[in-house]
Amino acid sequence: MEGVSVKQGAYGGRQMDVVIRNGEHILLEITSSMKSGDIDKLYASGDEYREKEGMEPILMVAASYVPPSVMRRVLSPIEIFSYEEQEDEA
């Protein structure tokens, strides 16, 4: 894809994918199920990226499942992409 680059780096004590698109720096976490501790780790990764690279990153998670208790803890600026299953209507 033109104008988009993807690299890996260690930020906040973990390996992160970094997507750079149109001048935006996106820290992307890909996981099957997001856990509560992942939120704090993602914020720490964002803080270290800002310090090392001098850019404000967008924090993004792609997860197949995000438990409601975790979703309640997520504050901006984290963006979440997840599959939402339709509940049966009774």
PDB file of N, CA and C in Angstrom:
ATOM      1  N   MET A   1       0.851  -1.166   0.000  1.00  0.00           N
ATOM      2  CA  MET A   1       0.000   0.000   0.000  1.00  0.00           C
ATOM      3  C   MET A   1       0.901   1.235   0.000  1.00  0.00           C
ATOM      4  N   GLU A   2       0.682   2.116  -0.912  1.00  0.00           N
ATOM      5  CA  GLU A   2       1.508   3.312  -1.027  1.00  0.00           C
ATOM      6  C   GLU A   2       1.211   4.297   0.102  1.00  0.00           C
ATOM      7  N   GLY A   3       2.266   4.893   0.648  1.00  0.00           N
ATOM      8  CA  GLY A   3       2.091   5.878   1.710  1.00  0.00           C
ATOM      9  C   GLY A   3       1.923   5.280   3.082  1.00  0.00           C
ATOM     10  N   VAL A   4       2.041   3.943   3.190  1.00  0.00           N
ATOM     11  CA  VAL A   4       1.903   3.261   4.473  1.00  0.00           C
ATOM     12  C   VAL A   4       3.135   2.400   4.695  1.00  0.00           C
ATOM     13  N   SER A   5       3.704   2.485   5.889  1.00  0.00           N
ATOM     14  CA  SER A   5       4.800   1.587   6.230  1.00  0.00           C
ATOM     15  C   SER A   5       4.491   0.935   7.571  1.00  0.00           C
ATOM     16  N   VAL A   6       4.991  -0.280   7.739  1.00  0.00           N
ATOM     17  CA  VAL A   6       4.797  -1.035   8.971  1.00  0.00           C
ATOM     18  C   VAL A   6       6.168  -1.473   9.454  1.00  0.00           C
ATOM     19  N   LYS A   7       6.418  -1.247  10.733  1.00  0.00           N
ATOM     20  CA  LYS A   7       7.676  -1.688  11.325  1.00  0.00           C
ATOM     21  C   LYS A   7       7.388  -2.225  12.712  1.00  0.00           C
ATOM     22  N   GLN A   8       8.366  -2.868  13.293  1.00  0.00           N
ATOM     23  CA  GLN A   8       8.232  -3.359  14.655  1.00  0.00           C
ATOM     24  C   GLN A   8       9.220  -2.635  15.545  1.00  0.00           C
ATOM     25  N   GLY A   9       8.839  -2.481  16.796  1.00  0.00           N
ATOM     26  CA  GLY A   9       9.726  -1.855  17.760  1.00  0.00           C
ATOM     27  C   GLY A   9       9.367  -2.311  19.157  1.00  0.00           C
ATOM     28  N   ALA A  10      10.267  -2.100  20.090  1.00  0.00           N
ATOM     29  CA  ALA A  10      10.025  -2.449  21.491  1.00  0.00           C
ATOM     30  C   ALA A  10       9.728  -1.170  22.248  1.00  0.00           C
ATOM     31  N   TYR A  11       8.517  -1.068  22.746  1.00  0.00           N
ATOM     32  CA  TYR A  11       8.078   0.112  23.501  1.00  0.00           C
ATOM     33  C   TYR A  11       7.279  -0.362  24.702  1.00  0.00           C
ATOM     34  N   GLY A  12       7.566   0.183  25.850  1.00  0.00           N
ATOM     35  CA  GLY A  12       6.848  -0.206  27.061  1.00  0.00           C
ATOM     36  C   GLY A  12       7.117  -1.648  27.454  1.00  0.00           C
ATOM     37  N   GLY A  13       8.307  -2.147  27.094  1.00  0.00           N
ATOM     38  CA  GLY A  13       8.669  -3.503  27.478  1.00  0.00           C
ATOM     39  C   GLY A  13       8.029  -4.589  26.643  1.00  0.00           C
ATOM     40  N   ARG A  14       7.523  -4.254  25.452  1.00  0.00           N
ATOM     41  CA  ARG A  14       6.895  -5.272  24.607  1.00  0.00           C
ATOM     42  C   ARG A  14       7.085  -4.939  23.147  1.00  0.00           C
ATOM     43  N   GLN A  15       7.006  -5.946  22.313  1.00  0.00           N
ATOM     44  CA  GLN A  15       7.082  -5.751  20.868  1.00  0.00           C
ATOM     45  C   GLN A  15       5.768  -5.170  20.373  1.00  0.00           C
ATOM     46  N   MET A  16       5.871  -4.155  19.542  1.00  0.00           N
ATOM     47  CA  MET A  16       4.676  -3.504  18.993  1.00  0.00           C
ATOM     48  C   MET A  16       4.817  -3.367  17.487  1.00  0.00           C
ATOM     49  N   ASP A  17       3.702  -3.460  16.786  1.00  0.00           N
ATOM     50  CA  ASP A  17       3.668  -3.105  15.375  1.00  0.00           C
ATOM     51  C   ASP A  17       3.399  -1.614  15.296  1.00  0.00           C
ATOM     52  N   VAL A  18       4.127  -0.931  14.444  1.00  0.00           N
ATOM     53  CA  VAL A  18       3.953   0.505  14.250  1.00  0.00           C
ATOM     54  C   VAL A  18       3.562   0.724  12.795  1.00  0.00           C
ATOM     55  N   VAL A  19       2.385   1.290  12.596  1.00  0.00           N
ATOM     56  CA  VAL A  19       1.898   1.604  11.258  1.00  0.00           C
ATOM     57  C   VAL A  19       2.029   3.113  11.083  1.00  0.00           C
ATOM     58  N   ILE A  20       2.721   3.517  10.025  1.00  0.00           N
ATOM     59  CA  ILE A  20       2.861   4.946   9.746  1.00  0.00           C
ATOM     60  C   ILE A  20       2.109   5.215   8.455  1.00  0.00           C
ATOM     61  N   ARG A  21       1.094   6.073   8.559  1.00  0.00           N
ATOM     62  CA  ARG A  21       0.201   6.360   7.444  1.00  0.00           C
ATOM     63  C   ARG A  21      -0.122   7.846   7.429  1.00  0.00           C
ATOM     64  N   ASN A  22       0.192   8.492   6.338  1.00  0.00           N
ATOM     65  CA  ASN A  22      -0.125   9.917   6.195  1.00  0.00           C
ATOM     66  C   ASN A  22       0.340  10.740   7.395  1.00  0.00           C
ATOM     67  N   GLY A  23       1.527  10.440   7.901  1.00  0.00           N
ATOM     68  CA  GLY A  23       2.078  11.192   9.022  1.00  0.00           C
ATOM     69  C   GLY A  23       1.564  10.766  10.382  1.00  0.00           C
ATOM     70  N   GLU A  24       0.599   9.851  10.436  1.00  0.00           N
ATOM     71  CA  GLU A  24       0.100   9.336  11.709  1.00  0.00           C
ATOM     72  C   GLU A  24       0.926   8.126  12.105  1.00  0.00           C
ATOM     73  N   HIS A  25       1.265   8.026  13.376  1.00  0.00           N
ATOM     74  CA  HIS A  25       1.994   6.883  13.908  1.00  0.00           C
ATOM     75  C   HIS A  25       1.023   6.090  14.771  1.00  0.00           C
ATOM     76  N   ILE A  26       0.742   4.866  14.366  1.00  0.00           N
ATOM     77  CA  ILE A  26      -0.246   4.026  15.043  1.00  0.00           C
ATOM     78  C   ILE A  26       0.465   2.848  15.697  1.00  0.00           C
ATOM     79  N   LEU A  27       0.336   2.718  17.019  1.00  0.00           N
ATOM     80  CA  LEU A  27       0.828   1.538  17.724  1.00  0.00           C
ATOM     81  C   LEU A  27      -0.314   0.532  17.723  1.00  0.00           C
ATOM     82  N   LEU A  28      -0.088  -0.606  17.077  1.00  0.00           N
ATOM     83  CA  LEU A  28      -1.145  -1.597  16.876  1.00  0.00           C
ATOM     84  C   LEU A  28      -0.853  -2.855  17.679  1.00  0.00           C
ATOM     85  N   GLU A  29      -1.769  -3.201  18.541  1.00  0.00           N
ATOM     86  CA  GLU A  29      -1.724  -4.439  19.318  1.00  0.00           C
ATOM     87  C   GLU A  29      -2.749  -5.378  18.700  1.00  0.00           C
ATOM     88  N   ILE A  30      -2.312  -6.569  18.302  1.00  0.00           N
ATOM     89  CA  ILE A  30      -3.221  -7.569  17.739  1.00  0.00           C
ATOM     90  C   ILE A  30      -3.270  -8.737  18.712  1.00  0.00           C
ATOM     91  N   THR A  31      -4.480  -9.075  19.158  1.00  0.00           N
ATOM     92  CA  THR A  31      -4.633 -10.120  20.161  1.00  0.00           C
ATOM     93  C   THR A  31      -5.963 -10.834  19.955  1.00  0.00           C
ATOM     94  N   SER A  32      -6.045 -12.073  20.404  1.00  0.00           N
ATOM     95  CA  SER A  32      -7.310 -12.798  20.283  1.00  0.00           C
ATOM     96  C   SER A  32      -8.303 -12.329  21.340  1.00  0.00           C
ATOM     97  N   SER A  33      -7.822 -12.036  22.532  1.00  0.00           N
ATOM     98  CA  SER A  33      -8.702 -11.597  23.611  1.00  0.00           C
ATOM     99  C   SER A  33      -7.977 -10.544  24.441  1.00  0.00           C
ATOM    100  N   MET A  34      -8.560  -9.374  24.533  1.00  0.00           N
ATOM    101  CA  MET A  34      -7.932  -8.280  25.284  1.00  0.00           C
ATOM    102  C   MET A  34      -8.176  -8.477  26.774  1.00  0.00           C
ATOM    103  N   LYS A  35      -7.104  -8.317  27.545  1.00  0.00           N
ATOM    104  CA  LYS A  35      -7.185  -8.453  28.999  1.00  0.00           C
ATOM    105  C   LYS A  35      -6.986  -7.086  29.643  1.00  0.00           C
ATOM    106  N   SER A  36      -7.395  -6.967  30.878  1.00  0.00           N
ATOM    107  CA  SER A  36      -7.307  -5.698  31.598  1.00  0.00           C
ATOM    108  C   SER A  36      -5.877  -5.165  31.637  1.00  0.00           C
ATOM    109  N   GLY A  37      -4.895  -6.046  31.871  1.00  0.00           N
ATOM    110  CA  GLY A  37      -3.504  -5.628  31.949  1.00  0.00           C
ATOM    111  C   GLY A  37      -2.963  -5.084  30.633  1.00  0.00           C
ATOM    112  N   ASP A  38      -3.593  -5.481  29.516  1.00  0.00           N
ATOM    113  CA  ASP A  38      -3.161  -4.995  28.203  1.00  0.00           C
ATOM    114  C   ASP A  38      -3.341  -3.486  28.074  1.00  0.00           C
ATOM    115  N   ILE A  39      -4.325  -2.940  28.749  1.00  0.00           N
ATOM    116  CA  ILE A  39      -4.604  -1.500  28.662  1.00  0.00           C
ATOM    117  C   ILE A  39      -3.426  -0.707  29.223  1.00  0.00           C
ATOM    118  N   ASP A  40      -2.988  -1.054  30.428  1.00  0.00           N
ATOM    119  CA  ASP A  40      -1.870  -0.349  31.049  1.00  0.00           C
ATOM    120  C   ASP A  40      -0.592  -0.502  30.228  1.00  0.00           C
ATOM    121  N   LYS A  41      -0.373  -1.704  29.681  1.00  0.00           N
ATOM    122  CA  LYS A  41       0.815  -1.946  28.860  1.00  0.00           C
ATOM    123  C   LYS A  41       0.775  -1.102  27.586  1.00  0.00           C
ATOM    124  N   LEU A  42      -0.404  -0.962  26.994  1.00  0.00           N
ATOM    125  CA  LEU A  42      -0.526  -0.162  25.778  1.00  0.00           C
ATOM    126  C   LEU A  42      -0.264   1.316  26.074  1.00  0.00           C
ATOM    127  N   TYR A  43      -0.789   1.812  27.189  1.00  0.00           N
ATOM    128  CA  TYR A  43      -0.499   3.198  27.580  1.00  0.00           C
ATOM    129  C   TYR A  43       1.000   3.396  27.805  1.00  0.00           C
ATOM    130  N   ALA A  44       1.660   2.416  28.469  1.00  0.00           N
ATOM    131  CA  ALA A  44       3.104   2.511  28.701  1.00  0.00           C
ATOM    132  C   ALA A  44       3.864   2.494  27.379  1.00  0.00           C
ATOM    133  N   SER A  45       3.420   1.688  26.429  1.00  0.00           N
ATOM    134  CA  SER A  45       4.053   1.656  25.113  1.00  0.00           C
ATOM    135  C   SER A  45       3.921   3.006  24.426  1.00  0.00           C
ATOM    136  N   GLY A  46       2.744   3.603  24.529  1.00  0.00           N
ATOM    137  CA  GLY A  46       2.523   4.925  23.938  1.00  0.00           C
ATOM    138  C   GLY A  46       3.404   5.986  24.563  1.00  0.00           C
ATOM    139  N   ASP A  47       3.555   5.935  25.888  1.00  0.00           N
ATOM    140  CA  ASP A  47       4.407   6.907  26.580  1.00  0.00           C
ATOM    141  C   ASP A  47       5.866   6.780  26.131  1.00  0.00           C
ATOM    142  N   GLU A  48       6.348   5.537  26.051  1.00  0.00           N
ATOM    143  CA  GLU A  48       7.746   5.344  25.638  1.00  0.00           C
ATOM    144  C   GLU A  48       7.948   5.721  24.172  1.00  0.00           C
ATOM    145  N   TYR A  49       6.969   5.420  23.323  1.00  0.00           N
ATOM    146  CA  TYR A  49       7.080   5.792  21.911  1.00  0.00           C
ATOM    147  C   TYR A  49       7.190   7.313  21.776  1.00  0.00           C
ATOM    148  N   ARG A  50       6.356   8.027  22.515  1.00  0.00           N
ATOM    149  CA  ARG A  50       6.372   9.494  22.501  1.00  0.00           C
ATOM    150  C   ARG A  50       7.744  10.027  22.918  1.00  0.00           C
ATOM    151  N   GLU A  51       8.310   9.434  23.984  1.00  0.00           N
ATOM    152  CA  GLU A  51       9.626   9.866  24.474  1.00  0.00           C
ATOM    153  C   GLU A  51      10.739   9.561  23.468  1.00  0.00           C
ATOM    154  N   LYS A  52      10.740   8.349  22.903  1.00  0.00           N
ATOM    155  CA  LYS A  52      11.810   7.925  21.998  1.00  0.00           C
ATOM    156  C   LYS A  52      11.718   8.565  20.617  1.00  0.00           C
ATOM    157  N   GLU A  53      10.503   8.645  20.071  1.00  0.00           N
ATOM    158  CA  GLU A  53      10.320   9.054  18.682  1.00  0.00           C
ATOM    159  C   GLU A  53       9.893  10.513  18.515  1.00  0.00           C
ATOM    160  N   GLY A  54       9.433  11.128  19.620  1.00  0.00           N
ATOM    161  CA  GLY A  54       8.998  12.521  19.535  1.00  0.00           C
ATOM    162  C   GLY A  54       7.689  12.713  18.794  1.00  0.00           C
ATOM    163  N   MET A  55       6.909  11.654  18.668  1.00  0.00           N
ATOM    164  CA  MET A  55       5.612  11.704  17.984  1.00  0.00           C
ATOM    165  C   MET A  55       4.529  11.186  18.926  1.00  0.00           C
ATOM    166  N   GLU A  56       3.348  11.771  18.834  1.00  0.00           N
ATOM    167  CA  GLU A  56       2.201  11.307  19.614  1.00  0.00           C
ATOM    168  C   GLU A  56       1.543  10.161  18.842  1.00  0.00           C
ATOM    169  N   PRO A  57       1.601   8.918  19.367  1.00  0.00           N
ATOM    170  CA  PRO A  57       1.026   7.808  18.623  1.00  0.00           C
ATOM    171  C   PRO A  57      -0.478   7.664  18.855  1.00  0.00           C
ATOM    172  N   ILE A  58      -1.128   7.086  17.882  1.00  0.00           N
ATOM    173  CA  ILE A  58      -2.504   6.635  18.047  1.00  0.00           C
ATOM    174  C   ILE A  58      -2.406   5.222  18.594  1.00  0.00           C
ATOM    175  N   LEU A  59      -3.150   4.908  19.629  1.00  0.00           N
ATOM    176  CA  LEU A  59      -3.137   3.575  20.229  1.00  0.00           C
ATOM    177  C   LEU A  59      -4.320   2.793  19.685  1.00  0.00           C
ATOM    178  N   MET A  60      -4.045   1.599  19.151  1.00  0.00           N
ATOM    179  CA  MET A  60      -5.100   0.826  18.507  1.00  0.00           C
ATOM    180  C   MET A  60      -4.958  -0.646  18.867  1.00  0.00           C
ATOM    181  N   VAL A  61      -6.088  -1.302  19.105  1.00  0.00           N
ATOM    182  CA  VAL A  61      -6.116  -2.729  19.405  1.00  0.00           C
ATOM    183  C   VAL A  61      -7.064  -3.404  18.421  1.00  0.00           C
ATOM    184  N   ALA A  62      -6.607  -4.515  17.847  1.00  0.00           N
ATOM    185  CA  ALA A  62      -7.469  -5.377  17.041  1.00  0.00           C
ATOM    186  C   ALA A  62      -7.611  -6.673  17.825  1.00  0.00           C
ATOM    187  N   ALA A  63      -8.831  -6.979  18.256  1.00  0.00           N
ATOM    188  CA  ALA A  63      -9.064  -8.159  19.091  1.00  0.00           C
ATOM    189  C   ALA A  63     -10.343  -8.847  18.649  1.00  0.00           C
ATOM    190  N   SER A  64     -10.328 -10.172  18.712  1.00  0.00           N
ATOM    191  CA  SER A  64     -11.550 -10.899  18.377  1.00  0.00           C
ATOM    192  C   SER A  64     -12.553 -10.831  19.522  1.00  0.00           C
ATOM    193  N   TYR A  65     -12.062 -10.591  20.748  1.00  0.00           N
ATOM    194  CA  TYR A  65     -12.969 -10.492  21.893  1.00  0.00           C
ATOM    195  C   TYR A  65     -12.439  -9.491  22.903  1.00  0.00           C
ATOM    196  N   VAL A  66     -13.325  -8.615  23.351  1.00  0.00           N
ATOM    197  CA  VAL A  66     -13.013  -7.667  24.423  1.00  0.00           C
ATOM    198  C   VAL A  66     -14.110  -7.816  25.474  1.00  0.00           C
ATOM    199  N   PRO A  67     -13.779  -8.366  26.644  1.00  0.00           N
ATOM    200  CA  PRO A  67     -14.794  -8.538  27.682  1.00  0.00           C
ATOM    201  C   PRO A  67     -15.379  -7.188  28.106  1.00  0.00           C
ATOM    202  N   PRO A  68     -16.658  -7.165  28.474  1.00  0.00           N
ATOM    203  CA  PRO A  68     -17.282  -5.902  28.903  1.00  0.00           C
ATOM    204  C   PRO A  68     -16.523  -5.212  30.035  1.00  0.00           C
ATOM    205  N   SER A  69     -15.962  -5.968  30.979  1.00  0.00           N
ATOM    206  CA  SER A  69     -15.230  -5.350  32.091  1.00  0.00           C
ATOM    207  C   SER A  69     -13.995  -4.612  31.580  1.00  0.00           C
ATOM    208  N   VAL A  70     -13.359  -5.140  30.547  1.00  0.00           N
ATOM    209  CA  VAL A  70     -12.187  -4.481  29.963  1.00  0.00           C
ATOM    210  C   VAL A  70     -12.634  -3.266  29.162  1.00  0.00           C
ATOM    211  N   MET A  71     -13.711  -3.410  28.424  1.00  0.00           N
ATOM    212  CA  MET A  71     -14.218  -2.299  27.607  1.00  0.00           C
ATOM    213  C   MET A  71     -14.543  -1.089  28.473  1.00  0.00           C
ATOM    214  N   ARG A  72     -15.039  -1.322  29.679  1.00  0.00           N
ATOM    215  CA  ARG A  72     -15.366  -0.208  30.588  1.00  0.00           C
ATOM    216  C   ARG A  72     -14.114   0.537  31.034  1.00  0.00           C
ATOM    217  N   ARG A  73     -12.963  -0.133  31.052  1.00  0.00           N
ATOM    218  CA  ARG A  73     -11.701   0.507  31.474  1.00  0.00           C
ATOM    219  C   ARG A  73     -11.011   1.267  30.361  1.00  0.00           C
ATOM    220  N   VAL A  74     -11.397   1.004  29.130  1.00  0.00           N
ATOM    221  CA  VAL A  74     -10.721   1.628  27.997  1.00  0.00           C
ATOM    222  C   VAL A  74     -11.154   3.078  27.890  1.00  0.00           C
ATOM    223  N   LEU A  75     -10.178   3.950  27.934  1.00  0.00           N
ATOM    224  CA  LEU A  75     -10.430   5.374  27.767  1.00  0.00           C
ATOM    225  C   LEU A  75      -9.747   5.814  26.489  1.00  0.00           C
ATOM    226  N   SER A  76     -10.169   6.926  25.946  1.00  0.00           N
ATOM    227  CA  SER A  76      -9.471   7.403  24.780  1.00  0.00           C
ATOM    228  C   SER A  76      -8.057   7.713  25.220  1.00  0.00           C
ATOM    229  N   PRO A  77      -7.105   7.587  24.437  1.00  0.00           N
ATOM    230  CA  PRO A  77      -7.147   7.560  22.989  1.00  0.00           C
ATOM    231  C   PRO A  77      -7.045   6.163  22.373  1.00  0.00           C
ATOM    232  N   ILE A  78      -7.378   5.086  23.090  1.00  0.00           N
ATOM    233  CA  ILE A  78      -7.286   3.753  22.498  1.00  0.00           C
ATOM    234  C   ILE A  78      -8.483   3.520  21.576  1.00  0.00           C
ATOM    235  N   GLU A  79      -8.186   3.096  20.348  1.00  0.00           N
ATOM    236  CA  GLU A  79      -9.222   2.701  19.400  1.00  0.00           C
ATOM    237  C   GLU A  79      -9.259   1.183  19.372  1.00  0.00           C
ATOM    238  N   ILE A  80     -10.458   0.598  19.371  1.00  0.00           N
ATOM    239  CA  ILE A  80     -10.595  -0.855  19.384  1.00  0.00           C
ATOM    240  C   ILE A  80     -11.360  -1.306  18.155  1.00  0.00           C
ATOM    241  N   PHE A  81     -10.802  -2.316  17.493  1.00  0.00           N
ATOM    242  CA  PHE A  81     -11.487  -2.990  16.399  1.00  0.00           C
ATOM    243  C   PHE A  81     -11.725  -4.412  16.858  1.00  0.00           C
ATOM    244  N   SER A  82     -12.995  -4.828  16.875  1.00  0.00           N
ATOM    245  CA  SER A  82     -13.326  -6.154  17.367  1.00  0.00           C
ATOM    246  C   SER A  82     -14.579  -6.641  16.661  1.00  0.00           C
ATOM    247  N   TYR A  83     -14.749  -7.944  16.643  1.00  0.00           N
ATOM    248  CA  TYR A  83     -15.945  -8.563  16.085  1.00  0.00           C
ATOM    249  C   TYR A  83     -17.030  -8.520  17.141  1.00  0.00           C
ATOM    250  N   GLU A  84     -18.177  -8.005  16.774  1.00  0.00           N
ATOM    251  CA  GLU A  84     -19.288  -7.954  17.716  1.00  0.00           C
ATOM    252  C   GLU A  84     -20.356  -8.925  17.261  1.00  0.00           C
ATOM    253  N   GLU A  85     -20.591  -9.952  18.055  1.00  0.00           N
ATOM    254  CA  GLU A  85     -21.566 -10.960  17.706  1.00  0.00           C
ATOM    255  C   GLU A  85     -22.964 -10.435  18.032  1.00  0.00           C
ATOM    256  N   GLN A  86     -23.895 -10.672  17.122  1.00  0.00           N
ATOM    257  CA  GLN A  86     -25.279 -10.273  17.351  1.00  0.00           C
ATOM    258  C   GLN A  86     -25.894 -11.168  18.413  1.00  0.00           C
ATOM    259  N   GLU A  87     -26.540 -10.556  19.390  1.00  0.00           N
ATOM    260  CA  GLU A  87     -27.209 -11.339  20.427  1.00  0.00           C
ATOM    261  C   GLU A  87     -28.582 -11.736  19.929  1.00  0.00           C
ATOM    262  N   ASP A  88     -29.026 -12.930  20.329  1.00  0.00           N
ATOM    263  CA  ASP A  88     -30.362 -13.380  19.944  1.00  0.00           C
ATOM    264  C   ASP A  88     -31.394 -12.527  20.666  1.00  0.00           C
ATOM    265  N   GLU A  89     -32.375 -12.080  19.901  1.00  0.00           N
ATOM    266  CA  GLU A  89     -33.454 -11.294  20.517  1.00  0.00           C
ATOM    267  C   GLU A  89     -34.572 -12.245  20.908  1.00  0.00           C
ATOM    268  N   ALA A  90     -34.997 -12.177  22.153  1.00  0.00           N
ATOM    269  CA  ALA A  90     -36.045 -13.087  22.630  1.00  0.00           C
ATOM    270  C   ALA A  90     -37.395 -12.440  22.539  1.00  0.00           C
TER     271      ALA A  90
END
